[in-house]
Each structure stands twice: as structure tokens, then as C-alpha cells.
Amino acid sequence: MYQFIIPNKKQQIYFVFAVGIILLNIIGAAVYNFTIGADATNAWVFAVACIVIFSIVLYFFSAPRRYRFAGTLILVFGIFWMSRTFYQLFFVNLLLWGLYTVARRNLVVTVSEKHISYPSFPVKMIQWNMINNVVLKDDILTIDLKNNKIYQHLIEYLDGETDEAEFNDFCRKQLQYSHSQGS
């Protein structure tokens, strides 16, 4: 079995959206505090304090911890809204947290004797009899399907570098076996 990581280059973009969602939640919490009787100064001091603390935490966290923290904070705000009986905002935050978690997951392609597991959502299992060719060359994995779709990605290795000739030979044997079974 071979496993390759497809770098998730859009994680930073997803993180920016998460920060926007968090800022909207902070503003919403400040407005909520203002509407329940707190004076306007206290409501906005709360919002500014939350933003400053959030910014300081993000500055000192490494990128992976920053991404996890943002996702957790979206979920925490969802719980905050649920505790205030704003169930719609809870479900919106829960949905956004789920989408954020799925979007920033590790993208791993697994090539086994049975099939190729491709990291779409949900994970796509590509049977060998659906494939024309699979090639690994210069750290680029190419999967050519019989329905004229091609998946091609620059990959990173999960367990040390893979011998290209050995991998390509493995894939060629799997393809020959699946084609002989189909005939």
C-alpha cells in the first residue's frame, strides 16, 4: 500500500474565512450584550478585548495550532449562541465548523491492491478496472481514468520517499490484473 499527501494549498484561504466568521460572532456577541442592558461602552470594550486577545493568540500560535484554534472558536461561539437560545446561530456555527473542518483536512491518496482512495468529499474509491493508467514521475502523481478524467497532483510522501519505478511497476501489475479479470 502506498500513501501520498496532496498539499492543501487553500488552508490559508479557509482560515481567513474562519477569522471572518469569528469576528462576526464577536460583533454579534457585543450587540447581544448591548441589547440585554449592558451599556454601549461595555459592549464595545468586550468586542475590542475579544479581538485583541484573539489576535495575540493567533500571533503566537504556529499555523497548525492556529487553524485548530479557529475551528474550536467557531464551535465555542456556536455553544455560546445555543446557551442564549439562539438555536439558528448555533446551527449556522456548527455547519460552518463542519465545513471548515472538512476543508482543512489532510488530503491523502492511498493506492492499494484493491483500489485507489482519492481524498474528495466523501472519499472516492476508484477501482482498478476504472483506470487507464497511474504514473508517479518527478513527485507528480497522475491517475488517468477510463471516463476521460485525469487527476494530477504534486505530492508529498507520508512515509519517506517512494521508489518511482517500484510504484509504477506495482500499478502496471494491478492494471494488467484488473484488465485480465474484466476480459
Protein backbone atom coordinates (compact mmCIF):
# COMPACT_ATOMS: atom_id res chain seq x y z
CA MET A 1 0.00 0.00 0.00
CA TYR A 2 1.26 3.45 -0.90
CA GLN A 3 0.15 6.75 0.62
CA PHE A 4 0.79 10.24 -0.70
CA ILE A 5 -0.18 13.63 0.69
CA ILE A 6 -1.63 16.24 -1.62
CA PRO A 7 -0.69 19.61 -0.13
CA ASN A 8 -3.83 21.53 0.88
CA LYS A 9 -2.80 24.91 -0.52
CA LYS A 10 -6.15 26.52 0.28
CA GLN A 11 -5.87 26.14 4.06
CA GLN A 12 -4.85 29.78 4.44
CA ILE A 13 -7.91 30.93 2.48
CA TYR A 14 -10.19 28.77 4.65
CA PHE A 15 -8.51 30.23 7.73
CA VAL A 16 -9.25 33.79 6.54
CA PHE A 17 -12.93 32.86 6.17
CA ALA A 18 -12.86 31.33 9.67
CA VAL A 19 -11.40 34.55 11.09
CA GLY A 20 -14.20 36.49 9.38
CA ILE A 21 -16.79 34.18 10.92
CA ILE A 22 -15.18 34.62 14.35
CA LEU A 23 -15.17 38.41 14.00
CA LEU A 24 -18.86 38.38 13.03
CA ASN A 25 -19.55 36.26 16.12
CA ILE A 26 -17.64 38.71 18.32
CA ILE A 27 -19.60 41.64 16.90
CA GLY A 28 -22.84 39.68 17.34
CA ALA A 29 -21.96 38.92 20.97
CA ALA A 30 -21.23 42.63 21.56
CA VAL A 31 -24.56 43.62 20.03
CA TYR A 32 -26.27 40.96 22.14
CA ASN A 33 -24.62 42.36 25.30
CA PHE A 34 -25.79 45.83 24.33
CA THR A 35 -29.39 44.68 23.77
CA ILE A 36 -29.67 42.89 27.12
CA GLY A 37 -28.99 46.06 29.02
CA ALA A 38 -25.23 46.48 29.15
CA ASP A 39 -24.18 50.00 28.25
CA ALA A 40 -22.73 50.57 24.81
CA THR A 41 -19.24 51.22 26.16
CA ASN A 42 -19.07 47.85 27.93
CA ALA A 43 -20.39 46.03 24.86
CA TRP A 44 -17.75 47.53 22.59
CA VAL A 45 -14.98 47.13 25.18
CA PHE A 46 -15.93 43.44 25.26
CA ALA A 47 -15.71 43.24 21.45
CA VAL A 48 -12.36 45.04 21.26
CA ALA A 49 -10.92 42.94 24.10
CA CYS A 50 -12.02 39.73 22.34
CA ILE A 51 -10.45 40.87 19.07
CA VAL A 52 -7.17 41.88 20.75
CA ILE A 53 -6.93 38.61 22.69
CA PHE A 54 -7.81 36.64 19.55
CA SER A 55 -5.12 38.50 17.56
CA ILE A 56 -2.45 37.92 20.22
CA VAL A 57 -3.24 34.20 20.39
CA LEU A 58 -3.08 33.90 16.60
CA TYR A 59 0.23 35.74 16.52
CA PHE A 60 1.92 33.34 18.94
CA PHE A 61 0.42 30.06 17.64
CA SER A 62 2.05 28.08 14.83
CA ALA A 63 -0.02 27.61 11.66
CA PRO A 64 -1.46 24.15 12.51
CA ARG A 65 -2.39 25.24 16.05
CA ARG A 66 -3.84 28.49 14.67
CA TYR A 67 -6.07 26.56 12.25
CA ARG A 68 -7.31 24.23 15.02
CA PHE A 69 -7.88 27.15 17.38
CA ALA A 70 -10.00 28.98 14.80
CA GLY A 71 -12.17 25.91 14.28
CA THR A 72 -12.57 25.42 18.01
CA LEU A 73 -13.51 29.06 18.48
CA ILE A 74 -16.26 28.77 15.86
CA LEU A 75 -17.64 25.83 17.80
CA VAL A 76 -17.37 27.71 21.12
CA PHE A 77 -19.35 30.61 19.66
CA GLY A 78 -21.96 28.12 18.49
CA ILE A 79 -22.28 26.86 22.06
CA PHE A 80 -22.46 30.47 23.29
CA TRP A 81 -25.39 31.16 20.96
CA MET A 82 -27.12 27.94 21.97
CA SER A 83 -26.83 28.88 25.64
CA ARG A 84 -28.58 32.16 24.80
CA THR A 85 -31.36 30.19 22.96
CA PHE A 86 -30.29 31.45 19.52
CA TYR A 87 -30.53 27.95 18.04
CA GLN A 88 -30.32 29.18 14.44
CA LEU A 89 -26.94 30.80 15.12
CA PHE A 90 -25.82 27.64 16.90
CA PHE A 91 -26.66 25.52 13.85
CA VAL A 92 -25.06 28.04 11.46
CA ASN A 93 -21.84 27.96 13.52
CA LEU A 94 -22.00 24.17 13.74
CA LEU A 95 -22.41 23.91 9.97
CA LEU A 96 -19.56 26.38 9.33
CA TRP A 97 -17.35 24.49 11.80
CA GLY A 98 -18.09 21.22 9.98
CA LEU A 99 -17.32 22.74 6.58
CA TYR A 100 -14.13 24.33 7.92
CA THR A 101 -13.00 21.01 9.45
CA VAL A 102 -13.64 19.10 6.21
CA ALA A 103 -11.96 21.76 4.07
CA ARG A 104 -8.73 21.86 6.05
CA ARG A 105 -8.27 18.10 6.48
CA ASN A 106 -5.18 16.28 5.28
CA LEU A 107 -5.59 15.12 1.69
CA VAL A 108 -4.15 11.61 1.42
CA VAL A 109 -4.22 9.42 -1.69
CA THR A 110 -3.96 5.73 -0.84
CA VAL A 111 -3.02 3.23 -3.54
CA SER A 112 -3.70 -0.39 -2.57
CA GLU A 113 -4.16 -3.71 -4.34
CA LYS A 114 -7.95 -3.30 -4.25
CA HIS A 115 -8.44 0.33 -5.24
CA ILE A 116 -7.19 3.90 -5.09
CA SER A 117 -8.68 6.06 -2.35
CA TYR A 118 -8.94 9.66 -3.58
CA PRO A 119 -9.48 12.43 -0.98
CA SER A 120 -12.59 14.12 -2.32
CA PHE A 121 -15.56 14.63 -0.01
CA PRO A 122 -16.72 11.98 0.51
CA VAL A 123 -13.62 9.93 -0.21
CA LYS A 124 -13.80 8.39 -3.69
CA MET A 125 -12.82 4.73 -4.08
CA ILE A 126 -11.52 4.24 -7.62
CA GLN A 127 -11.45 0.60 -8.66
CA TRP A 128 -8.55 -0.56 -10.81
CA ASN A 129 -10.90 -1.56 -13.65
CA MET A 130 -11.94 2.12 -13.95
CA ILE A 131 -8.36 3.28 -14.56
CA ASN A 132 -6.37 3.56 -17.79
CA ASN A 133 -3.04 4.40 -16.19
CA VAL A 134 -1.35 5.53 -12.97
CA VAL A 135 2.09 7.12 -13.07
CA LEU A 136 4.37 8.69 -10.49
CA LYS A 137 7.06 10.83 -12.09
CA ASP A 138 9.08 13.66 -10.52
CA ASP A 139 6.77 13.79 -7.47
CA ILE A 140 3.70 14.22 -9.68
CA LEU A 141 1.02 11.55 -9.35
CA THR A 142 -1.19 11.13 -12.40
CA ILE A 143 -4.34 8.99 -12.34
CA ASP A 144 -5.91 8.62 -15.80
CA LEU A 145 -9.45 7.24 -15.66
CA LYS A 146 -11.33 5.48 -18.46
CA ASN A 147 -14.07 8.14 -18.36
CA ASN A 148 -11.50 10.73 -19.58
CA LYS A 149 -10.95 12.30 -16.16
CA ILE A 150 -7.39 12.89 -15.06
CA TYR A 151 -6.27 13.58 -11.50
CA GLN A 152 -2.80 15.06 -11.35
CA HIS A 153 -1.15 16.37 -8.21
CA LEU A 154 2.22 17.35 -6.90
CA ILE A 155 2.56 15.07 -3.87
CA GLU A 156 4.45 14.82 -0.62
CA TYR A 157 5.46 11.47 0.81
CA LEU A 158 3.88 10.23 4.01
CA ASP A 159 6.42 7.52 4.89
CA GLY A 160 9.63 8.61 3.21
CA GLU A 161 10.20 8.88 -0.50
CA THR A 162 8.65 6.17 -2.69
CA ASP A 163 10.69 4.48 -5.39
CA GLU A 164 9.02 5.65 -8.61
CA ALA A 165 9.96 2.58 -10.67
CA GLU A 166 8.68 0.22 -7.95
CA PHE A 167 5.41 2.15 -7.60
CA ASN A 168 4.84 2.37 -11.36
CA ASP A 169 5.55 -1.37 -11.68
CA PHE A 170 3.03 -2.09 -8.88
CA CYS A 171 0.38 -0.01 -10.66
CA ARG A 172 1.11 -1.62 -14.02
CA LYS A 173 0.64 -5.09 -12.47
CA GLN A 174 -2.63 -4.04 -10.82
CA LEU A 175 -3.91 -2.65 -14.11
CA GLN A 176 -2.92 -5.78 -16.04
CA TYR A 177 -4.61 -7.99 -13.44
CA SER A 178 -7.82 -5.93 -13.43
CA HIS A 179 -7.94 -5.87 -17.25
CA SER A 180 -7.40 -9.64 -17.44
CA GLN A 181 -10.25 -10.17 -14.93
CA GLY A 182 -12.56 -7.93 -16.95
CA SER A 183 -11.94 -9.72 -20.28
